[in-house]
Protein backbone atom coordinates (compact mmCIF):
# COMPACT_ATOMS: atom_id res chain seq x y z
CA MET A 1 20.08 39.66 36.38
CA GLU A 2 23.82 39.26 36.28
CA ASP A 3 26.02 41.94 34.74
CA ASP A 4 28.09 40.93 31.82
CA PRO A 5 31.76 40.79 32.95
CA GLU A 6 32.88 42.39 29.69
CA LEU A 7 30.41 45.26 30.15
CA GLU A 8 31.59 45.77 33.72
CA MET A 9 35.21 45.83 32.57
CA LEU A 10 34.33 48.47 29.95
CA ARG A 11 32.58 50.56 32.61
CA GLN A 12 35.59 50.39 34.91
CA LYS A 13 37.93 51.26 32.06
CA ARG A 14 35.77 54.24 31.10
CA MET A 15 35.61 55.40 34.73
CA ALA A 16 39.41 55.21 35.00
CA GLU A 17 39.76 57.23 31.78
CA MET A 18 37.39 59.89 33.11
CA GLN A 19 39.32 60.12 36.38
CA GLN A 20 42.60 60.49 34.51
CA ALA A 21 41.09 63.22 32.34
CA GLN A 22 39.90 65.06 35.45
CA GLN A 23 43.35 64.77 37.00
CA ARG A 24 45.00 66.11 33.83
CA GLN A 25 42.54 69.01 33.71
CA ALA A 26 43.14 69.87 37.36
CA GLN A 27 46.89 69.72 36.76
CA GLN A 28 46.60 72.04 33.74
CA GLN A 29 44.49 74.49 35.73
CA GLU A 30 47.05 74.50 38.53
CA GLN A 31 49.88 75.13 36.06
CA ALA A 32 47.92 77.97 34.44
CA LYS A 33 47.23 79.47 37.87
CA GLN A 34 50.93 79.29 38.79
CA ALA A 35 51.97 80.86 35.47
CA GLU A 36 49.48 83.70 35.97
CA ALA A 37 50.71 84.29 39.53
CA GLN A 38 54.31 84.39 38.29
CA LYS A 39 53.35 86.83 35.52
CA GLN A 40 51.53 89.11 37.98
CA SER A 41 54.54 89.00 40.32
CA ILE A 42 56.85 90.14 37.52
CA LEU A 43 54.41 92.90 36.51
CA ARG A 44 54.28 94.15 40.12
CA GLN A 45 58.07 94.37 40.13
CA ILE A 46 58.44 96.25 36.84
CA MET A 47 55.37 98.53 36.79
CA VAL A 48 54.45 101.48 38.98
CA PRO A 49 51.00 101.26 40.63
CA GLU A 50 49.42 103.79 38.22
CA ALA A 51 50.53 101.74 35.21
CA ARG A 52 49.19 98.55 36.79
CA ASP A 53 45.86 100.29 37.42
CA ARG A 54 45.69 101.42 33.79
CA LEU A 55 46.50 97.91 32.61
CA ALA A 56 43.76 96.51 34.87
CA ASN A 57 41.28 98.94 33.26
CA VAL A 58 42.42 97.90 29.80
CA LYS A 59 41.98 94.26 30.82
CA LEU A 60 38.34 94.94 31.68
CA ALA A 61 37.66 96.60 28.33
CA ASN A 62 39.90 94.50 26.10
CA PRO A 63 41.34 91.35 27.70
CA GLN A 64 43.22 90.27 24.56
CA LEU A 65 44.99 93.62 24.23
CA ALA A 66 45.91 93.57 27.93
CA ALA A 67 47.34 90.06 27.61
CA ASN A 68 49.41 91.15 24.59
CA VAL A 69 50.71 94.18 26.49
CA GLU A 70 51.56 92.06 29.54
CA ASN A 71 53.49 89.61 27.37
CA GLN A 72 55.28 92.44 25.56
CA VAL A 73 56.28 94.14 28.83
CA ILE A 74 57.55 90.86 30.28
CA ARG A 75 59.56 90.18 27.11
CA LEU A 76 61.12 93.67 27.37
CA TYR A 77 61.99 92.98 31.01
CA GLN A 78 63.45 89.54 30.33
CA SER A 79 65.54 90.82 27.42
CA GLY A 80 66.99 93.56 29.64
CA ARG A 81 65.66 96.42 27.51
CA LEU A 82 63.86 98.16 30.39
CA ASN A 83 65.58 101.06 32.11
CA GLY A 84 63.70 101.22 35.39
CA PRO A 85 60.03 100.60 36.13
CA ILE A 86 57.28 101.13 33.56
CA THR A 87 55.41 104.32 34.30
CA ASP A 88 51.90 105.25 33.23
CA PRO A 89 53.12 107.41 30.29
CA MET A 90 55.36 104.56 29.13
CA LEU A 91 52.44 102.14 29.30
CA ARG A 92 50.29 104.55 27.28
CA GLU A 93 52.98 104.61 24.59
CA ILE A 94 53.07 100.81 24.53
CA LEU A 95 49.28 100.68 24.30
CA GLN A 96 49.23 103.20 21.45
CA SER A 97 51.84 101.24 19.55
CA MET A 98 49.83 98.03 19.92
CA VAL A 99 46.40 99.42 19.04
CA PRO A 100 45.89 99.53 15.30
CA GLN A 101 45.61 103.09 14.11
CA GLN A 102 42.18 103.87 12.77
CA ARG A 103 41.96 105.90 9.64
CA GLU A 104 39.57 108.78 9.53
CA ILE A 105 37.07 108.51 6.74
CA HIS A 106 35.69 111.71 5.30
CA ILE A 107 32.65 111.54 3.09
CA GLU A 108 32.11 114.57 0.91
CA ARG A 109 28.80 115.44 -0.67
CA ARG A 110 28.78 116.53 -4.28
């Protein structure tokens, strides 16, 4: 049974589209990997090892918070508002300022 030329053309077109999509995805992954490597390089330059360790622990427990802190620290660095490397106490202050304060709720019995 002969294949329909139109059907074969559609198959080839679909295959080409899938290959292009794969190439775009691979390119996006490579760009994301490069951006992450650049971000980690900057963090190594501006943070002392203890602060980086603390941030790694935060990343395990709360990845979104860690990403926000990383972005905030990099913005501070790029704007020139950092006076020296970020120490562990400085990082704790940044973390405390970014974590919403929880109110204590007291329930009294009557």
